[in-house]
Each structure stands twice: as C-alpha cells, then as structure tokens.
Protein backbone atom coordinates (compact mmCIF):
# COMPACT_ATOMS: atom_id res chain seq x y z
CA MET A 1 -48.53 4.58 -19.03
CA ALA A 2 -45.67 2.50 -18.50
CA GLU A 3 -42.95 3.35 -15.70
CA ILE A 4 -39.75 4.22 -17.72
CA GLN A 5 -36.73 2.25 -15.84
CA LYS A 6 -34.27 3.79 -14.09
CA ALA A 7 -30.92 3.21 -15.68
CA PRO A 8 -28.39 1.27 -13.23
CA VAL A 9 -25.60 3.99 -11.91
CA ARG A 10 -21.86 2.55 -11.70
CA GLY A 11 -19.66 2.76 -9.50
CA THR A 12 -17.65 5.47 -10.91
CA GLN A 13 -20.24 7.08 -11.06
CA SER A 14 -21.60 7.28 -7.63
CA PHE A 15 -18.07 7.81 -6.67
CA VAL A 16 -17.61 10.79 -7.92
CA HIS A 17 -20.21 11.80 -5.76
CA THR A 18 -18.56 10.48 -2.80
CA LEU A 19 -15.14 12.01 -3.50
CA SER A 20 -17.06 15.57 -3.11
CA SER A 21 -19.02 14.38 0.43
CA CYS A 22 -15.59 13.68 1.59
CA TRP A 23 -14.21 16.94 0.65
CA TYR A 24 -16.88 18.96 2.65
CA ARG A 25 -16.26 16.52 5.35
CA PRO A 26 -12.34 17.06 6.37
CA SER A 27 -13.10 15.47 9.56
CA MET A 28 -13.09 12.29 8.58
CA THR A 29 -9.47 12.30 6.58
CA ALA A 30 -8.08 14.37 9.65
CA LEU A 31 -9.23 11.35 11.84
CA GLU A 32 -7.55 8.98 8.84
CA VAL A 33 -4.16 10.98 9.36
CA ALA A 34 -4.39 11.40 13.09
CA TRP A 35 -4.62 7.15 13.93
CA ARG A 36 -2.26 6.37 10.86
CA TRP A 37 0.44 8.49 12.42
CA ILE A 38 -0.26 8.30 15.72
CA TYR A 39 1.00 4.68 14.82
CA GLY A 40 3.48 5.49 11.72
CA VAL A 41 5.57 7.71 13.92
CA PRO A 42 6.44 5.96 16.91
CA ALA A 43 7.01 3.06 14.03
CA LEU A 44 9.26 4.53 11.61
CA TRP A 45 11.01 5.74 14.64
CA MET A 46 11.44 2.61 15.97
CA LEU A 47 12.63 1.07 12.61
CA PHE A 48 15.40 3.90 12.36
CA THR A 49 17.15 3.74 15.54
CA GLU A 50 17.45 0.23 15.52
CA LEU A 51 18.65 0.19 11.46
CA ARG A 52 21.03 2.79 12.58
CA LYS A 53 22.46 0.67 14.97
CA VAL A 54 22.68 -2.28 13.09
CA LEU A 55 24.63 -0.28 10.68
CA ALA A 56 27.04 1.29 13.49
CA ALA A 57 27.67 -2.02 14.66
CA HIS A 58 29.59 -3.32 10.75
CA THR A 59 31.28 -0.10 10.84
CA ASP A 60 32.74 0.67 14.09
CA GLY A 61 30.27 4.03 14.75
CA THR A 62 31.12 5.78 11.91
CA LEU A 63 27.87 4.62 9.79
CA GLU A 64 29.75 5.43 6.95
CA LEU A 65 28.65 2.92 3.93
CA ALA A 66 32.13 3.01 2.39
CA ARG A 67 33.09 0.26 5.54
CA LEU A 68 30.58 -2.34 3.77
CA GLY A 69 32.43 -2.12 0.23
CA LEU A 70 29.77 0.42 -1.11
CA ASP A 71 32.05 2.98 -3.12
CA SER A 72 31.53 6.82 -3.43
CA ALA A 73 31.25 6.23 -7.70
CA LEU A 74 28.25 3.70 -6.32
CA LEU A 75 26.67 5.70 -3.37
CA ASN A 76 27.04 8.66 -5.28
CA ASP A 77 25.31 7.41 -8.23
CA PRO A 78 24.36 4.31 -7.95
CA VAL A 79 21.49 4.62 -11.90
CA GLY A 80 25.19 5.14 -14.02
CA ALA A 81 27.00 2.49 -11.54
CA LEU A 82 24.77 -0.52 -12.42
CA THR A 83 24.64 1.02 -15.94
CA ALA A 84 27.93 0.56 -16.44
CA ASP A 85 28.58 -2.78 -14.77
CA PRO A 86 25.85 -4.22 -13.56
CA MET A 87 27.36 -6.82 -12.42
CA GLY A 88 29.99 -5.77 -10.59
CA ALA A 89 27.55 -3.03 -8.86
CA VAL A 90 25.31 -5.99 -7.96
CA ASN A 91 28.03 -8.06 -6.45
CA LYS A 92 29.31 -4.68 -4.05
CA LEU A 93 25.45 -4.62 -2.89
CA THR A 94 25.25 -8.04 -2.21
CA SER A 95 28.26 -8.27 -0.23
CA ALA A 96 27.25 -5.35 1.69
CA ILE A 97 23.50 -7.11 2.39
CA ASN A 98 25.16 -10.47 3.26
CA ALA A 99 27.26 -8.31 6.13
CA VAL A 100 24.19 -7.05 8.22
CA LEU A 101 21.33 -9.81 6.78
CA PRO A 102 22.41 -12.27 10.26
CA ASP A 103 21.74 -8.96 12.67
CA LEU A 104 18.35 -7.67 10.24
CA ARG A 105 16.95 -11.41 10.59
CA HIS A 106 17.41 -11.16 14.14
CA LEU A 107 16.06 -8.08 14.46
CA ALA A 108 13.08 -8.56 11.96
CA LEU A 109 12.38 -11.91 14.52
CA TRP A 110 10.79 -9.23 17.48
CA LEU A 111 10.13 -6.12 15.63
CA VAL A 112 8.45 -7.56 12.58
CA PRO A 113 5.25 -9.09 14.62
CA LEU A 114 5.20 -6.45 16.96
CA LEU A 115 4.95 -3.87 14.46
CA LEU A 116 2.33 -6.24 12.60
CA VAL A 117 0.12 -6.44 16.25
CA VAL A 118 -0.05 -3.16 16.80
CA TRP A 119 -0.99 -2.14 13.10
CA VAL A 120 -3.55 -4.99 13.70
CA VAL A 121 -5.05 -2.60 17.09
CA ALA A 122 -4.16 0.80 15.76
CA SER A 123 -6.08 -0.13 12.27
CA SER A 124 -9.19 -1.47 13.87
CA LEU A 125 -9.83 1.01 16.61
CA GLY A 126 -9.32 3.94 14.14
CA ARG A 127 -11.06 2.30 10.92
CA THR A 128 -13.96 2.08 13.92
CA VAL A 129 -13.77 5.71 14.51
CA VAL A 130 -13.92 7.03 10.70
CA LEU A 131 -16.84 5.18 9.56
CA ARG A 132 -18.44 6.16 12.96
CA ARG A 133 -17.70 9.35 11.82
CA ALA A 134 -18.87 8.66 8.28
CA ASP A 135 -22.07 6.94 9.82
CA ALA A 136 -23.06 7.22 13.47
CA ALA A 137 -25.13 4.22 13.11
CA LEU A 138 -22.37 1.71 12.70
CA ARG A 139 -21.87 -0.74 15.21
CA SER A 140 -18.74 -0.74 16.99
CA ARG A 141 -16.91 -4.06 16.50
CA PRO A 142 -13.52 -3.71 16.92
CA LEU A 143 -12.64 -7.78 17.73
CA THR A 144 -13.88 -8.31 14.46
CA LEU A 145 -12.01 -5.88 12.72
CA MET A 146 -9.28 -7.16 14.39
CA VAL A 147 -9.67 -10.14 13.28
CA LEU A 148 -10.46 -9.37 9.32
CA GLN A 149 -7.42 -7.25 9.05
CA VAL A 150 -5.30 -10.45 10.33
CA ILE A 151 -6.74 -12.23 7.77
CA ARG A 152 -6.28 -9.65 5.33
CA LEU A 153 -2.56 -8.91 6.57
CA VAL A 154 -2.15 -12.80 5.74
CA ALA A 155 -3.85 -12.36 2.42
CA LEU A 156 -1.55 -9.04 1.31
CA CYS A 157 1.47 -11.36 2.44
CA ALA A 158 1.04 -14.32 0.44
CA SER A 159 0.30 -11.80 -2.73
CA PHE A 160 4.10 -10.21 -1.64
CA TRP A 161 5.46 -13.92 -1.82
CA VAL A 162 4.30 -14.76 -5.16
CA TRP A 163 5.43 -11.29 -6.57
CA TRP A 164 8.97 -11.97 -5.01
CA SER A 165 8.32 -15.68 -6.50
CA LEU A 166 7.80 -14.71 -9.98
CA ILE A 167 11.20 -11.72 -9.23
CA GLU A 168 13.45 -14.86 -8.55
CA TRP A 169 12.12 -16.64 -11.65
CA ALA A 170 12.78 -13.18 -13.46
CA SER A 171 16.30 -13.41 -12.24
CA GLN A 172 16.90 -17.33 -13.10
CA ILE A 173 15.67 -16.77 -16.16
CA ALA A 174 17.28 -14.11 -17.51
CA VAL A 175 20.03 -13.64 -15.31
CA THR A 176 21.47 -16.43 -14.15
CA ALA A 177 20.96 -19.04 -16.60
CA PRO A 178 22.19 -16.76 -18.88
CA ILE A 179 25.58 -16.55 -17.00
CA ALA A 180 25.50 -19.87 -16.21
CA LEU A 181 25.99 -20.43 -20.50
CA GLY A 182 28.36 -17.50 -20.34
CA GLU A 183 26.32 -15.67 -21.72
CA GLU A 184 25.46 -11.84 -21.68
CA PRO A 185 22.17 -11.47 -19.00
CA ASN A 186 19.06 -10.20 -20.46
CA LEU A 187 18.47 -7.33 -18.42
CA VAL A 188 15.41 -6.28 -20.84
CA LEU A 189 13.63 -9.52 -20.22
CA TYR A 190 14.17 -9.48 -16.42
CA CYS A 191 12.66 -5.95 -16.72
CA ALA A 192 9.81 -6.87 -18.72
CA ILE A 193 8.98 -9.98 -16.53
CA VAL A 194 9.21 -7.74 -13.51
CA ILE A 195 7.36 -4.93 -15.20
CA VAL A 196 3.92 -7.51 -16.15
CA SER A 197 4.55 -9.21 -13.15
CA THR A 198 3.99 -6.52 -10.95
CA LEU A 199 1.35 -4.86 -12.45
CA GLY A 200 -0.87 -8.26 -12.91
CA LEU A 201 -0.31 -9.22 -9.51
CA PHE A 202 -1.43 -5.43 -8.75
CA VAL A 203 -4.98 -5.78 -11.22
CA LEU A 204 -5.68 -9.28 -9.56
CA TRP A 205 -5.78 -8.19 -6.07
CA GLY A 206 -7.74 -5.31 -7.16
CA VAL A 207 -10.26 -7.41 -8.41
CA VAL A 208 -10.50 -9.21 -4.69
CA SER A 209 -9.04 -7.66 -2.14
CA TRP A 210 -12.53 -5.55 -1.89
CA VAL A 211 -14.03 -8.66 -0.31
CA PHE A 212 -11.25 -7.44 2.82
CA SER A 213 -12.26 -4.05 3.00
CA ILE A 214 -16.37 -4.82 3.12
CA ALA A 215 -16.63 -7.29 5.45
CA PRO A 216 -15.70 -4.81 8.51
CA LEU A 217 -17.92 -2.62 7.17
CA LEU A 218 -20.55 -5.33 7.32
CA ALA A 219 -19.15 -6.18 10.39
CA MET A 220 -20.30 -2.96 11.76
CA LEU A 221 -23.97 -2.51 9.53
CA ARG A 222 -24.90 -5.75 10.56
CA GLY A 223 -23.26 -6.60 14.03
CA SER A 224 -21.80 -10.39 12.89
CA GLY A 225 -18.99 -11.77 13.43
CA VAL A 226 -15.84 -12.83 11.73
CA GLY A 227 -16.59 -15.64 9.64
CA LYS A 228 -20.45 -14.29 8.73
CA SER A 229 -18.70 -10.80 7.29
CA LEU A 230 -16.83 -12.64 4.67
CA ALA A 231 -19.27 -14.97 3.97
CA ASP A 232 -21.87 -11.95 3.61
CA ALA A 233 -19.03 -9.74 1.73
CA VAL A 234 -19.18 -12.76 -0.99
CA ARG A 235 -22.83 -12.99 -1.75
CA LEU A 236 -23.72 -9.55 -2.67
CA GLY A 237 -24.28 -10.10 -5.93
CA PRO A 238 -24.26 -7.28 -8.26
CA LEU A 239 -23.14 -5.04 -5.75
CA LYS A 240 -20.04 -7.04 -6.08
CA SER A 241 -19.11 -5.55 -9.52
CA LYS A 242 -19.36 -1.62 -8.44
CA LEU A 243 -16.80 -2.67 -5.36
CA VAL A 244 -14.93 -3.94 -7.91
CA GLU A 245 -14.86 -1.11 -10.03
CA VAL A 246 -14.22 1.28 -7.41
CA ASN A 247 -11.30 -0.51 -6.14
CA LEU A 248 -10.08 -0.45 -9.30
CA VAL A 249 -10.26 3.22 -9.63
CA MET A 250 -8.64 3.16 -6.03
CA GLY A 251 -5.75 1.22 -7.89
CA ILE A 252 -4.96 3.78 -10.94
CA VAL A 253 -5.59 6.84 -8.43
CA LYS A 254 -2.96 5.11 -5.83
CA ILE A 255 -0.65 4.62 -9.41
CA ALA A 256 -1.37 8.20 -10.30
CA LEU A 257 -0.42 9.91 -6.36
CA ILE A 258 2.89 7.92 -6.99
CA VAL A 259 3.34 9.54 -10.17
CA LEU A 260 2.29 13.01 -9.22
CA ALA A 261 4.69 12.63 -5.83
CA MET A 262 7.78 11.79 -7.96
CA VAL A 263 7.21 14.79 -10.92
CA PHE A 264 6.96 16.98 -7.60
CA SER A 265 10.28 16.04 -6.07
CA ALA A 266 12.50 15.76 -9.62
CA THR A 267 10.77 19.33 -9.74
CA PRO A 268 13.46 21.27 -8.37
CA LEU A 269 16.32 19.51 -10.31
CA PRO A 270 16.80 21.38 -12.61
CA PHE A 271 17.75 24.56 -10.30
CA GLU A 272 19.85 22.34 -8.18
CA SER A 273 22.88 24.59 -8.82
CA VAL A 274 21.29 27.40 -6.80
CA THR A 275 18.86 25.81 -4.00
CA SER A 276 20.71 24.46 -0.70
CA ALA A 277 20.60 20.83 0.08
CA GLY A 278 18.18 21.65 2.65
CA PHE A 279 15.84 22.95 1.01
CA LEU A 280 15.73 20.39 -1.36
CA ALA A 281 15.19 18.28 2.17
CA TRP A 282 12.38 19.97 3.11
CA TRP A 283 10.61 20.64 -0.57
CA TRP A 284 11.11 16.43 -0.64
CA ALA A 285 9.67 16.19 3.58
CA GLY A 286 6.39 18.47 2.34
CA VAL A 287 6.04 16.44 -1.01
CA THR A 288 6.02 13.04 0.86
CA VAL A 289 3.12 14.83 3.99
CA LEU A 290 0.90 15.33 0.78
CA TYR A 291 1.21 12.39 -0.29
CA LEU A 292 -0.20 10.77 2.56
CA VAL A 293 -2.31 13.09 3.03
CA GLY A 294 -3.74 12.51 -0.33
CA SER A 295 -3.54 8.97 -0.15
CA ASP A 296 -5.52 9.15 3.17
CA PHE A 297 -8.52 11.06 1.89
CA PHE A 298 -8.37 8.72 -1.23
CA HIS A 299 -9.00 5.64 1.68
CA VAL A 300 -11.67 7.81 3.28
CA ALA A 301 -13.14 8.38 -0.12
CA ARG A 302 -12.99 4.47 -0.59
CA LEU A 303 -14.56 3.09 2.92
CA VAL A 304 -17.59 6.08 2.33
CA ALA A 305 -18.06 4.64 -1.61
CA TYR A 306 -18.93 1.47 0.17
CA LEU A 307 -21.34 2.25 2.40
CA ASN A 308 -22.79 4.36 0.15
CA LEU A 309 -23.03 1.51 -2.15
CA TRP A 310 -24.15 -0.63 0.63
CA ARG A 311 -27.21 1.85 2.00
CA GLU A 312 -28.25 1.90 -1.92
CA TYR A 313 -28.23 -1.90 -2.28
CA GLU A 314 -30.26 -2.43 0.43
CA ALA A 315 -32.64 -0.09 -0.35
CA GLU A 316 -33.29 -1.74 -3.76
CA GLU A 317 -33.28 -5.50 -2.12
CA ARG A 318 -36.61 -3.82 0.52
CA PRO A 319 -38.68 -3.27 -2.15
CA GLU A 320 -38.29 -6.70 -3.53
CA GLN A 321 -38.24 -8.44 -0.66
CA ALA A 322 -41.34 -7.06 0.68
CA ALA A 323 -43.04 -7.99 -3.19
C-alpha cells in the first residue's frame, strides 16, 4: 500500500497552537513582563527626570511650554492648529525644539549609550530566563546573546536611519521645493510618501529580522558562538519560509494591538463632559499596561513558535540524514 505523504504544516497553523500553549503557561509571559519592566521603569524615570531638568532650565523652572513660544491654541488643539496654519504651527514647534536642542544633544551623549548598554545586558539575561523556562534543555549563552543583541540594535538603528532619510526626502519633495517656488506645500503627497515608506520598511524588516531572533535561539540550542549562530540562521532551508511567515504575522498582530489600544483610549472621550481628568488618566494608564502585557505575550509566543518549528525541522532532518 502506497505511503500517504503528510501535507506540510504552515508556520501560521503551528503558531495558533503555540498561542494556546503559551496562554496556559502564563509564567513565561510573567517572566518576560518582569525583566522588561525591571529595565523599563527605571529607564523611563531617568528619562523623565533628565528631560524635566532640561525643560525647567529653559522655562525658568516653571515648566510652562508657553515660555518656549508655544501658545495655548497650539497646546490645547495641536491638530486644529496644524490644520488651520500648518506652516505657522511648524515654525513655532521648530523654534521651541531649537531652543532646547543643544541641551538635548548633550543629554543624549551619555544617556542613550547608558540605556543601550543596560538594555543589551537586561534583554540578554531576561531572554535567557524566558527561553530556559520554555525549554530547560537550552544552554545559557548570555555573552553570545549580548553580542547578537548589539548586532540586532545596529541593524535596527540602520533601518531607522533609512526611514528618517526617506522622511526628509519626502519633506524636500512635497514641502520645501513647492515653498521655494512660491507654491503651497503638497501635504497629501507628503503623507502618501511617509505612509508608503513606513509600511514598506515595516514589511521589509519583518521579512529579514527573523534572523536576529532565531540566531540567539540557535546559540542556546547548539551552544555555538556569534558567527556560527548567524551563519546557521541563514542556512535553515525550508524552515526560513515558516519563520518569515510567523514574523510577518507578528508584525500584523503588533499593528492590531496598536489600533486596539488607540480605540480603547478613545472610548471614554464621548463621555468627557461627565468624566474627570483623573478617571481619564487612570483609564489611559490601564490601556497602556494592557497593551504592554499583550505585546510581551506575543513576543514570548514568537520565541516559542521559533523553538517548536526548529524542533520539527530537526526531527525531519534526522531521518533523512540517517537514510
């Protein structure tokens, strides 16, 4: 009797099962939330404190943005001000930013490297704990994960630089050039270029960034170093298409989470006349916390999905090698 060939399982099909398994193992998400918040809360507090000092220095200690040339009409209704007089509003914002920019650059010289170094250490140790919780057979490779995290950060910063360059090019084409010719800026063209460029780079990052996620996992699976892990990550044969598929789905999920957070944030606004400012602040804080926890859950699910796909791939490869 002829052997019936088993149909290949798509990455998204196995990902649905992974979501269910992660849901019933909340300790993994709890560990992910814990290490991110252990880093994030002090980092945000330090950032808030230092930015407050800069703002106080330029407002005579009052922290009033009006002292930077930002009038109440712009502060109370920025969208309306931009719509009514876009160039006037942009000039006011530019003037305010230029006033504090030297101090912000001085602050960034020491604060940004410090936050990045602490992030590399915290994320590598935290990711090690989470992955070993998912599979105790994985080996701890914190130093290797730190180097791989630095490589990922360099690639991410390069993608942001490309994105910002495209934004500047869009402003030159749609805003600066028409103004130089005495014409009105083409805001529709500017928004179109920005949206298309952002979505295009977002999809491109989803297609290629899986390498930086699977390489640390391979290092813990095989006990390999940085170069070997990256080399193995790009030589996974048919497994690559499933990893790309899961990564793109994660990108869609992330956009969906952002949209849901925006919708829930706007839910109380029709009842603003009967709600207090304190209630709105607590509501928005709760929505933010739910978004962050949901995002962490899907980060864990992606790692577990990669691990499960690798186990299936390894199980299929062994019989073929034995034959």
